[in-house]
Amino acid sequence: MSGLLFRAIIIVAVILACAIGLTAAFALCVAADYFAFATFLSPPLAALAAAGTALLFCALAVFFGQLALSRMRARARKTLFFRIGQTLGETFGTDILDLADRYPTRSIAAALFAGFALGFSPKLRSALRDFLRR
């Protein structure tokens, strides 16, 4: 247990050091941006321009981070539905095939009834379409 705690402390220390380093690097970039703007603007305007550049950088980072997260969620959702379908197929697939082989007329009647119900009821069609789109 102490080895796990020691690893957790090291991981937290590394993350904290990286956060401090990134904050310092960002501050130095803002300072360099300020000095670049100060060559052709007055100091208050150069400070405002540097702050605007920093805010623009932060907005871009949030935008691209949200874009990456949405793609990751979409991929996770696709794999989740694939796994659910695969599990249902493994669980019920052989049973349904055995029932269809044993009772062919009943299985045809059930398929026709399901098709008729889906064709007749718009609410059932939209519910099934919404379920399949997820």
N, C-alpha and C. Protein backbone atom coordinates (compact mmCIF):
# COMPACT_ATOMS: atom_id res chain seq x y z
N MET A 1 0.81 -1.19 0.00
CA MET A 1 0.00 0.00 0.00
C MET A 1 0.86 1.26 0.00
N SER A 2 1.98 1.22 0.70
CA SER A 2 2.84 2.40 0.76
C SER A 2 3.46 2.68 -0.62
N GLY A 3 3.68 1.63 -1.42
CA GLY A 3 4.19 1.85 -2.78
C GLY A 3 3.18 2.57 -3.64
N LEU A 4 1.90 2.24 -3.49
CA LEU A 4 0.85 2.91 -4.24
C LEU A 4 0.73 4.37 -3.81
N LEU A 5 0.81 4.62 -2.52
CA LEU A 5 0.75 5.99 -2.01
C LEU A 5 1.95 6.80 -2.49
N PHE A 6 3.12 6.18 -2.49
CA PHE A 6 4.33 6.85 -2.96
C PHE A 6 4.22 7.20 -4.44
N ARG A 7 3.66 6.29 -5.26
CA ARG A 7 3.46 6.59 -6.68
C ARG A 7 2.49 7.74 -6.87
N ALA A 8 1.41 7.73 -6.08
CA ALA A 8 0.42 8.81 -6.18
C ALA A 8 1.04 10.15 -5.82
N ILE A 9 1.89 10.19 -4.80
CA ILE A 9 2.56 11.43 -4.40
C ILE A 9 3.49 11.91 -5.52
N ILE A 10 4.21 10.99 -6.13
CA ILE A 10 5.11 11.36 -7.23
C ILE A 10 4.31 11.89 -8.42
N ILE A 11 3.20 11.25 -8.74
CA ILE A 11 2.38 11.70 -9.86
C ILE A 11 1.83 13.10 -9.59
N VAL A 12 1.33 13.34 -8.38
CA VAL A 12 0.81 14.66 -8.04
C VAL A 12 1.92 15.70 -8.09
N ALA A 13 3.12 15.36 -7.64
CA ALA A 13 4.24 16.30 -7.67
C ALA A 13 4.63 16.63 -9.11
N VAL A 14 4.64 15.64 -9.97
CA VAL A 14 4.99 15.88 -11.38
C VAL A 14 3.92 16.76 -12.05
N ILE A 15 2.66 16.47 -11.78
CA ILE A 15 1.59 17.29 -12.35
C ILE A 15 1.67 18.72 -11.84
N LEU A 16 1.94 18.90 -10.56
CA LEU A 16 2.08 20.23 -9.99
C LEU A 16 3.28 20.97 -10.60
N ALA A 17 4.39 20.29 -10.78
CA ALA A 17 5.57 20.91 -11.39
C ALA A 17 5.29 21.31 -12.83
N CYS A 18 4.58 20.47 -13.56
CA CYS A 18 4.23 20.81 -14.94
C CYS A 18 3.28 22.01 -14.98
N ALA A 19 2.33 22.07 -14.06
CA ALA A 19 1.40 23.20 -14.02
C ALA A 19 2.14 24.50 -13.70
N ILE A 20 3.06 24.45 -12.77
CA ILE A 20 3.85 25.64 -12.43
C ILE A 20 4.72 26.05 -13.62
N GLY A 21 5.34 25.08 -14.28
CA GLY A 21 6.18 25.39 -15.43
C GLY A 21 5.38 25.98 -16.59
N LEU A 22 4.20 25.42 -16.85
CA LEU A 22 3.36 25.96 -17.92
C LEU A 22 2.86 27.36 -17.59
N THR A 23 2.54 27.60 -16.32
CA THR A 23 2.10 28.94 -15.92
C THR A 23 3.24 29.94 -16.10
N ALA A 24 4.45 29.57 -15.71
CA ALA A 24 5.59 30.46 -15.89
C ALA A 24 5.87 30.71 -17.37
N ALA A 25 5.78 29.67 -18.18
CA ALA A 25 6.01 29.84 -19.62
C ALA A 25 4.96 30.74 -20.23
N PHE A 26 3.71 30.59 -19.80
CA PHE A 26 2.63 31.44 -20.31
C PHE A 26 2.87 32.88 -19.89
N ALA A 27 3.28 33.10 -18.64
CA ALA A 27 3.56 34.46 -18.16
C ALA A 27 4.70 35.09 -18.95
N LEU A 28 5.74 34.31 -19.26
CA LEU A 28 6.85 34.85 -20.04
C LEU A 28 6.43 35.18 -21.47
N CYS A 29 5.54 34.36 -22.02
CA CYS A 29 5.03 34.66 -23.36
C CYS A 29 4.21 35.95 -23.36
N VAL A 30 3.41 36.15 -22.32
CA VAL A 30 2.64 37.38 -22.22
C VAL A 30 3.57 38.58 -22.05
N ALA A 31 4.64 38.42 -21.25
CA ALA A 31 5.60 39.51 -21.09
C ALA A 31 6.30 39.82 -22.41
N ALA A 32 6.68 38.79 -23.14
CA ALA A 32 7.31 39.01 -24.45
C ALA A 32 6.33 39.67 -25.41
N ASP A 33 5.08 39.26 -25.33
CA ASP A 33 4.05 39.88 -26.15
C ASP A 33 3.90 41.36 -25.79
N TYR A 34 3.91 41.66 -24.50
CA TYR A 34 3.82 43.05 -24.05
C TYR A 34 4.98 43.89 -24.59
N PHE A 35 6.18 43.35 -24.47
CA PHE A 35 7.34 44.12 -24.94
C PHE A 35 7.34 44.28 -26.45
N ALA A 36 6.78 43.31 -27.17
CA ALA A 36 6.66 43.45 -28.61
C ALA A 36 5.65 44.54 -28.96
N PHE A 37 4.53 44.59 -28.23
CA PHE A 37 3.55 45.64 -28.48
C PHE A 37 4.05 47.00 -28.00
N ALA A 38 4.91 47.01 -26.96
CA ALA A 38 5.40 48.27 -26.41
C ALA A 38 6.32 49.00 -27.39
N THR A 39 6.84 48.31 -28.40
CA THR A 39 7.71 48.99 -29.37
C THR A 39 6.94 49.97 -30.25
N PHE A 40 5.63 49.76 -30.47
CA PHE A 40 4.89 50.68 -31.31
C PHE A 40 3.60 51.20 -30.66
N LEU A 41 3.31 50.80 -29.40
CA LEU A 41 2.14 51.30 -28.67
C LEU A 41 2.59 51.90 -27.35
N SER A 42 1.73 52.72 -26.77
CA SER A 42 2.03 53.25 -25.44
C SER A 42 1.90 52.11 -24.43
N PRO A 43 2.56 52.21 -23.26
CA PRO A 43 2.52 51.10 -22.29
C PRO A 43 1.12 50.64 -21.88
N PRO A 44 0.15 51.52 -21.60
CA PRO A 44 -1.18 51.00 -21.25
C PRO A 44 -1.84 50.24 -22.40
N LEU A 45 -1.68 50.75 -23.61
CA LEU A 45 -2.26 50.04 -24.76
C LEU A 45 -1.53 48.73 -25.04
N ALA A 46 -0.22 48.71 -24.81
CA ALA A 46 0.54 47.47 -24.99
C ALA A 46 0.08 46.42 -23.98
N ALA A 47 -0.21 46.85 -22.73
CA ALA A 47 -0.70 45.92 -21.72
C ALA A 47 -2.07 45.38 -22.11
N LEU A 48 -2.94 46.24 -22.61
CA LEU A 48 -4.26 45.78 -23.06
C LEU A 48 -4.14 44.83 -24.25
N ALA A 49 -3.25 45.12 -25.17
CA ALA A 49 -3.08 44.24 -26.33
C ALA A 49 -2.52 42.89 -25.90
N ALA A 50 -1.58 42.89 -24.95
CA ALA A 50 -1.03 41.62 -24.46
C ALA A 50 -2.09 40.82 -23.72
N ALA A 51 -2.93 41.50 -22.94
CA ALA A 51 -4.01 40.80 -22.24
C ALA A 51 -5.02 40.25 -23.24
N GLY A 52 -5.32 41.01 -24.28
CA GLY A 52 -6.23 40.51 -25.31
C GLY A 52 -5.67 39.30 -26.03
N THR A 53 -4.37 39.32 -26.30
CA THR A 53 -3.73 38.17 -26.95
C THR A 53 -3.79 36.95 -26.04
N ALA A 54 -3.57 37.14 -24.74
CA ALA A 54 -3.64 36.03 -23.79
C ALA A 54 -5.05 35.47 -23.73
N LEU A 55 -6.06 36.36 -23.70
CA LEU A 55 -7.44 35.90 -23.67
C LEU A 55 -7.81 35.16 -24.96
N LEU A 56 -7.32 35.64 -26.09
CA LEU A 56 -7.57 34.96 -27.35
C LEU A 56 -6.94 33.57 -27.35
N PHE A 57 -5.72 33.47 -26.83
CA PHE A 57 -5.05 32.17 -26.73
C PHE A 57 -5.85 31.22 -25.84
N CYS A 58 -6.35 31.72 -24.72
CA CYS A 58 -7.14 30.88 -23.81
C CYS A 58 -8.44 30.44 -24.46
N ALA A 59 -9.09 31.34 -25.19
CA ALA A 59 -10.34 30.99 -25.88
C ALA A 59 -10.08 29.91 -26.94
N LEU A 60 -8.98 30.05 -27.67
CA LEU A 60 -8.64 29.02 -28.67
C LEU A 60 -8.34 27.68 -28.01
N ALA A 61 -7.65 27.71 -26.87
CA ALA A 61 -7.35 26.46 -26.16
C ALA A 61 -8.63 25.79 -25.68
N VAL A 62 -9.58 26.57 -25.16
CA VAL A 62 -10.86 26.01 -24.72
C VAL A 62 -11.63 25.44 -25.90
N PHE A 63 -11.65 26.17 -27.03
CA PHE A 63 -12.38 25.71 -28.21
C PHE A 63 -11.82 24.39 -28.72
N PHE A 64 -10.50 24.30 -28.88
CA PHE A 64 -9.91 23.07 -29.40
C PHE A 64 -10.02 21.93 -28.39
N GLY A 65 -9.95 22.25 -27.10
CA GLY A 65 -10.15 21.21 -26.08
C GLY A 65 -11.56 20.66 -26.11
N GLN A 66 -12.54 21.53 -26.28
CA GLN A 66 -13.92 21.08 -26.35
C GLN A 66 -14.17 20.27 -27.63
N LEU A 67 -13.54 20.67 -28.72
CA LEU A 67 -13.66 19.92 -29.96
C LEU A 67 -13.08 18.52 -29.81
N ALA A 68 -11.92 18.43 -29.18
CA ALA A 68 -11.30 17.11 -28.96
C ALA A 68 -12.16 16.25 -28.04
N LEU A 69 -12.71 16.86 -26.98
CA LEU A 69 -13.55 16.09 -26.07
C LEU A 69 -14.82 15.59 -26.74
N SER A 70 -15.42 16.41 -27.59
CA SER A 70 -16.63 15.95 -28.27
C SER A 70 -16.34 14.80 -29.22
N ARG A 71 -15.19 14.84 -29.87
CA ARG A 71 -14.82 13.71 -30.73
C ARG A 71 -14.56 12.45 -29.92
N MET A 72 -13.94 12.62 -28.75
CA MET A 72 -13.68 11.46 -27.91
C MET A 72 -14.99 10.88 -27.40
N ARG A 73 -15.97 11.75 -27.05
CA ARG A 73 -17.26 11.26 -26.60
C ARG A 73 -17.98 10.52 -27.71
N ALA A 74 -17.89 11.04 -28.94
CA ALA A 74 -18.56 10.38 -30.06
C ALA A 74 -17.96 9.00 -30.31
N ARG A 75 -16.63 8.92 -30.25
CA ARG A 75 -15.98 7.61 -30.43
C ARG A 75 -16.36 6.65 -29.32
N ALA A 76 -16.38 7.16 -28.08
CA ALA A 76 -16.74 6.29 -26.95
C ALA A 76 -18.18 5.81 -27.08
N ARG A 77 -19.06 6.70 -27.55
CA ARG A 77 -20.46 6.31 -27.73
C ARG A 77 -20.59 5.24 -28.80
N LYS A 78 -19.84 5.39 -29.91
CA LYS A 78 -19.91 4.39 -30.97
C LYS A 78 -19.41 3.04 -30.48
N THR A 79 -18.31 3.04 -29.76
CA THR A 79 -17.78 1.77 -29.27
C THR A 79 -18.71 1.17 -28.21
N LEU A 80 -19.36 2.04 -27.42
CA LEU A 80 -20.29 1.54 -26.41
C LEU A 80 -21.47 0.85 -27.07
N PHE A 81 -22.06 1.48 -28.09
CA PHE A 81 -23.18 0.85 -28.78
C PHE A 81 -22.76 -0.42 -29.50
N PHE A 82 -21.54 -0.43 -30.04
CA PHE A 82 -21.05 -1.65 -30.68
C PHE A 82 -20.92 -2.77 -29.66
N ARG A 83 -20.39 -2.45 -28.48
CA ARG A 83 -20.24 -3.47 -27.44
C ARG A 83 -21.60 -3.96 -26.95
N ILE A 84 -22.55 -3.05 -26.81
CA ILE A 84 -23.90 -3.46 -26.38
C ILE A 84 -24.52 -4.38 -27.41
N GLY A 85 -24.41 -4.00 -28.68
CA GLY A 85 -24.95 -4.86 -29.74
C GLY A 85 -24.27 -6.20 -29.79
N GLN A 86 -22.96 -6.20 -29.61
CA GLN A 86 -22.22 -7.46 -29.63
C GLN A 86 -22.64 -8.35 -28.45
N THR A 87 -22.80 -7.76 -27.29
CA THR A 87 -23.22 -8.53 -26.12
C THR A 87 -24.62 -9.08 -26.29
N LEU A 88 -25.53 -8.23 -26.81
CA LEU A 88 -26.89 -8.72 -27.05
C LEU A 88 -26.90 -9.83 -28.10
N GLY A 89 -26.09 -9.67 -29.13
CA GLY A 89 -26.02 -10.70 -30.15
C GLY A 89 -25.48 -12.01 -29.61
N GLU A 90 -24.45 -11.93 -28.76
CA GLU A 90 -23.91 -13.15 -28.18
C GLU A 90 -24.89 -13.78 -27.20
N THR A 91 -25.62 -12.94 -26.48
CA THR A 91 -26.53 -13.46 -25.47
C THR A 91 -27.79 -14.05 -26.08
N PHE A 92 -28.43 -13.28 -26.97
CA PHE A 92 -29.73 -13.70 -27.48
C PHE A 92 -29.68 -14.24 -28.91
N GLY A 93 -28.58 -14.07 -29.60
CA GLY A 93 -28.51 -14.45 -31.01
C GLY A 93 -28.78 -15.92 -31.25
N THR A 94 -28.13 -16.78 -30.52
CA THR A 94 -28.33 -18.22 -30.73
C THR A 94 -29.73 -18.65 -30.30
N ASP A 95 -30.24 -18.02 -29.22
CA ASP A 95 -31.59 -18.37 -28.76
C ASP A 95 -32.63 -17.96 -29.80
N ILE A 96 -32.47 -16.78 -30.36
CA ILE A 96 -33.44 -16.31 -31.36
C ILE A 96 -33.36 -17.17 -32.61
N LEU A 97 -32.16 -17.53 -33.03
CA LEU A 97 -32.02 -18.40 -34.20
C LEU A 97 -32.63 -19.78 -33.94
N ASP A 98 -32.43 -20.31 -32.75
CA ASP A 98 -33.04 -21.60 -32.41
C ASP A 98 -34.57 -21.51 -32.42
N LEU A 99 -35.11 -20.43 -31.87
CA LEU A 99 -36.56 -20.25 -31.87
C LEU A 99 -37.09 -20.09 -33.30
N ALA A 100 -36.37 -19.35 -34.13
CA ALA A 100 -36.81 -19.17 -35.52
C ALA A 100 -36.74 -20.48 -36.28
N ASP A 101 -35.76 -21.33 -35.98
CA ASP A 101 -35.68 -22.64 -36.63
C ASP A 101 -36.79 -23.58 -36.15
N ARG A 102 -37.12 -23.50 -34.85
CA ARG A 102 -38.15 -24.37 -34.30
C ARG A 102 -39.55 -23.94 -34.72
N TYR A 103 -39.79 -22.64 -34.75
CA TYR A 103 -41.13 -22.12 -35.06
C TYR A 103 -41.05 -21.13 -36.23
N PRO A 104 -40.89 -21.62 -37.45
CA PRO A 104 -40.71 -20.69 -38.58
C PRO A 104 -41.95 -19.85 -38.87
N THR A 105 -43.14 -20.42 -38.73
CA THR A 105 -44.34 -19.62 -39.04
C THR A 105 -44.56 -18.54 -37.99
N ARG A 106 -44.31 -18.85 -36.73
CA ARG A 106 -44.46 -17.85 -35.68
C ARG A 106 -43.42 -16.74 -35.83
N SER A 107 -42.19 -17.10 -36.21
CA SER A 107 -41.17 -16.06 -36.37
C SER A 107 -41.49 -15.16 -37.56
N ILE A 108 -42.03 -15.73 -38.63
CA ILE A 108 -42.44 -14.90 -39.78
C ILE A 108 -43.59 -14.00 -39.37
N ALA A 109 -44.54 -14.53 -38.61
CA ALA A 109 -45.67 -13.72 -38.15
C ALA A 109 -45.20 -12.60 -37.22
N ALA A 110 -44.26 -12.90 -36.35
CA ALA A 110 -43.74 -11.87 -35.45
C ALA A 110 -43.02 -10.78 -36.23
N ALA A 111 -42.24 -11.16 -37.25
CA ALA A 111 -41.54 -10.18 -38.08
C ALA A 111 -42.54 -9.32 -38.86
N LEU A 112 -43.58 -9.95 -39.40
CA LEU A 112 -44.61 -9.18 -40.11
C LEU A 112 -45.35 -8.24 -39.18
N PHE A 113 -45.67 -8.70 -37.96
CA PHE A 113 -46.34 -7.84 -37.00
C PHE A 113 -45.47 -6.66 -36.61
N ALA A 114 -44.18 -6.92 -36.37
CA ALA A 114 -43.26 -5.83 -36.02
C ALA A 114 -43.14 -4.84 -37.17
N GLY A 115 -43.06 -5.33 -38.38
CA GLY A 115 -43.00 -4.44 -39.55
C GLY A 115 -44.27 -3.64 -39.71
N PHE A 116 -45.42 -4.26 -39.49
CA PHE A 116 -46.69 -3.55 -39.58
C PHE A 116 -46.79 -2.48 -38.50
N ALA A 117 -46.36 -2.83 -37.27
CA ALA A 117 -46.42 -1.86 -36.16
C ALA A 117 -45.50 -0.67 -36.44
N LEU A 118 -44.30 -0.93 -36.96
CA LEU A 118 -43.38 0.17 -37.28
C LEU A 118 -43.90 1.00 -38.44
N GLY A 119 -44.54 0.37 -39.41
CA GLY A 119 -45.08 1.10 -40.54
C GLY A 119 -46.32 1.89 -40.20
N PHE A 120 -47.10 1.43 -39.24
CA PHE A 120 -48.37 2.06 -38.90
C PHE A 120 -48.20 3.21 -37.91
N SER A 121 -47.26 3.08 -36.97
CA SER A 121 -47.14 4.05 -35.89
C SER A 121 -45.96 5.00 -36.13
N PRO A 122 -46.22 6.28 -36.41
CA PRO A 122 -45.12 7.23 -36.60
C PRO A 122 -44.32 7.46 -35.31
N LYS A 123 -45.01 7.42 -34.16
CA LYS A 123 -44.30 7.61 -32.89
C LYS A 123 -43.32 6.47 -32.64
N LEU A 124 -43.73 5.26 -32.95
CA LEU A 124 -42.85 4.10 -32.77
C LEU A 124 -41.66 4.18 -33.72
N ARG A 125 -41.91 4.62 -34.96
CA ARG A 125 -40.81 4.79 -35.92
C ARG A 125 -39.83 5.85 -35.45
N SER A 126 -40.35 6.99 -34.99
CA SER A 126 -39.44 8.05 -34.54
C SER A 126 -38.68 7.63 -33.28
N ALA A 127 -39.32 6.88 -32.39
CA ALA A 127 -38.63 6.40 -31.20
C ALA A 127 -37.51 5.43 -31.58
N LEU A 128 -37.79 4.54 -32.52
CA LEU A 128 -36.77 3.59 -32.97
C LEU A 128 -35.64 4.32 -33.69
N ARG A 129 -35.98 5.32 -34.51
CA ARG A 129 -34.96 6.08 -35.24
C ARG A 129 -34.08 6.86 -34.26
N ASP A 130 -34.70 7.48 -33.25
CA ASP A 130 -33.93 8.19 -32.23
C ASP A 130 -33.03 7.25 -31.45
N PHE A 131 -33.54 6.06 -31.15
CA PHE A 131 -32.73 5.08 -30.43
C PHE A 131 -31.53 4.63 -31.27
N LEU A 132 -31.75 4.43 -32.55
CA LEU A 132 -30.66 3.96 -33.42
C LEU A 132 -29.65 5.06 -33.71
N ARG A 133 -30.07 6.32 -33.67
CA ARG A 133 -29.15 7.43 -33.91
C ARG A 133 -28.20 7.67 -32.75
N ARG A 134 -28.58 7.29 -31.56
CA ARG A 134 -27.72 7.51 -30.39
C ARG A 134 -26.52 6.71 -30.48
